[in-house]
Amino acid sequence: MTANVVARVISAGFNFFVNKKFVFASDKPFLKELGGYILLASFSLTLNTLILMGLSYGFGIGPLIGKIITEIGVFFFNWFVQKKVIFGQEKGVHYVK
């Protein structure tokens, strides 16, 4: 579980930058988006950990399969929230102009 937390923290900064500049090509204020992203990352870390623990301890699913299932679900949840709320794109993914 510690590796899960460390991986999330390290990847968050890189992910924010790539998503802001290249995936959603957002020109909204940096600090506003960063604040929303930090809230989402914190929530996602908690959600990720709870789902992983539930799959492992509650359903007896091995850590590798549990991690794969968890990451896929959390990935789509995060993408949706970033698209609709944080970076505010309403019509599809927008790439760098």
Protein backbone atom coordinates (compact mmCIF):
# COMPACT_ATOMS: atom_id res chain seq x y z
CA MET A 1 0.00 0.00 0.00
CA THR A 2 2.93 2.34 0.63
CA ALA A 3 4.07 1.92 -2.96
CA ASN A 4 0.57 2.90 -4.09
CA VAL A 5 0.78 6.20 -2.16
CA VAL A 6 4.31 7.01 -3.33
CA ALA A 7 3.45 6.29 -6.97
CA ARG A 8 0.40 8.56 -6.81
CA VAL A 9 2.31 11.49 -5.32
CA ILE A 10 5.18 11.30 -7.82
CA SER A 11 2.93 10.96 -10.84
CA ALA A 12 0.51 13.74 -9.84
CA GLY A 13 2.76 16.68 -10.77
CA PHE A 14 3.72 15.22 -14.11
CA ASN A 15 0.12 14.25 -14.85
CA PHE A 16 -1.19 17.74 -14.05
CA PHE A 17 1.30 19.41 -16.37
CA VAL A 18 0.72 17.01 -19.27
CA ASN A 19 -3.06 17.17 -18.94
CA LYS A 20 -3.15 20.96 -18.68
CA LYS A 21 -0.84 21.63 -21.61
CA PHE A 22 -1.21 18.71 -23.99
CA VAL A 23 -4.40 16.73 -23.34
CA PHE A 24 -6.93 19.45 -22.56
CA ALA A 25 -4.90 22.47 -23.82
CA SER A 26 -6.36 24.57 -21.04
CA ASP A 27 -5.73 28.29 -20.72
CA LYS A 28 -7.65 28.68 -17.46
CA PRO A 29 -5.80 30.12 -14.42
CA PHE A 30 -3.03 27.83 -13.22
CA LEU A 31 -3.76 28.07 -9.48
CA LYS A 32 -7.48 27.44 -9.88
CA GLU A 33 -6.83 24.28 -11.87
CA LEU A 34 -4.02 23.20 -9.56
CA GLY A 35 -6.29 23.51 -6.53
CA GLY A 36 -8.97 21.40 -8.18
CA TYR A 37 -6.39 18.89 -9.32
CA ILE A 38 -4.94 18.54 -5.81
CA LEU A 39 -8.43 17.89 -4.43
CA LEU A 40 -9.07 15.32 -7.14
CA ALA A 41 -5.69 13.66 -6.61
CA SER A 42 -6.32 13.42 -2.86
CA PHE A 43 -9.77 11.97 -3.37
CA SER A 44 -8.47 9.58 -6.04
CA LEU A 45 -5.67 8.37 -3.79
CA THR A 46 -8.19 7.59 -1.07
CA LEU A 47 -10.60 5.97 -3.53
CA ASN A 48 -7.79 3.96 -5.14
CA THR A 49 -6.54 2.68 -1.80
CA LEU A 50 -10.03 1.77 -0.53
CA ILE A 51 -10.94 -0.08 -3.71
CA LEU A 52 -7.61 -1.92 -3.74
CA MET A 53 -8.02 -2.92 -0.10
CA GLY A 54 -11.63 -3.98 -0.70
CA LEU A 55 -10.67 -6.15 -3.65
CA SER A 56 -7.70 -7.67 -1.80
CA TYR A 57 -9.16 -8.20 1.67
CA GLY A 58 -12.87 -8.31 0.91
CA PHE A 59 -12.90 -10.40 -2.25
CA GLY A 60 -9.54 -12.19 -2.00
CA ILE A 61 -8.33 -10.84 -5.33
CA GLY A 62 -4.54 -10.88 -5.66
CA PRO A 63 -2.66 -7.58 -5.53
CA LEU A 64 -1.67 -7.53 -9.21
CA ILE A 65 -5.16 -8.17 -10.59
CA GLY A 66 -6.66 -5.90 -7.94
CA LYS A 67 -4.29 -3.10 -8.90
CA ILE A 68 -5.10 -3.46 -12.60
CA ILE A 69 -8.85 -3.38 -11.97
CA THR A 70 -8.53 -0.43 -9.59
CA GLU A 71 -6.30 1.63 -11.88
CA ILE A 72 -8.62 1.18 -14.87
CA GLY A 73 -11.65 2.35 -12.90
CA VAL A 74 -9.89 5.28 -11.27
CA PHE A 75 -8.35 6.32 -14.60
CA PHE A 76 -11.76 6.76 -16.23
CA PHE A 77 -13.17 8.53 -13.17
CA ASN A 78 -10.24 10.98 -13.13
CA TRP A 79 -10.42 11.63 -16.87
CA PHE A 80 -14.11 12.47 -16.64
CA VAL A 81 -13.67 14.86 -13.68
CA GLN A 82 -10.69 16.58 -15.30
CA LYS A 83 -12.53 17.00 -18.59
CA LYS A 84 -15.78 18.29 -17.12
CA VAL A 85 -14.68 20.12 -13.97
CA ILE A 86 -10.99 20.91 -13.63
CA PHE A 87 -9.95 21.79 -17.16
CA GLY A 88 -13.49 22.55 -18.30
CA GLN A 89 -13.58 20.94 -21.71
CA GLU A 90 -17.14 20.33 -22.85
CA LYS A 91 -16.70 18.87 -26.35
CA GLY A 92 -14.17 16.06 -26.59
CA VAL A 93 -10.47 16.02 -25.93
CA HIS A 94 -8.60 19.04 -27.25
CA TYR A 95 -4.97 18.74 -28.21
CA VAL A 96 -2.36 21.46 -28.37
CA LYS A 97 -3.17 24.02 -31.04
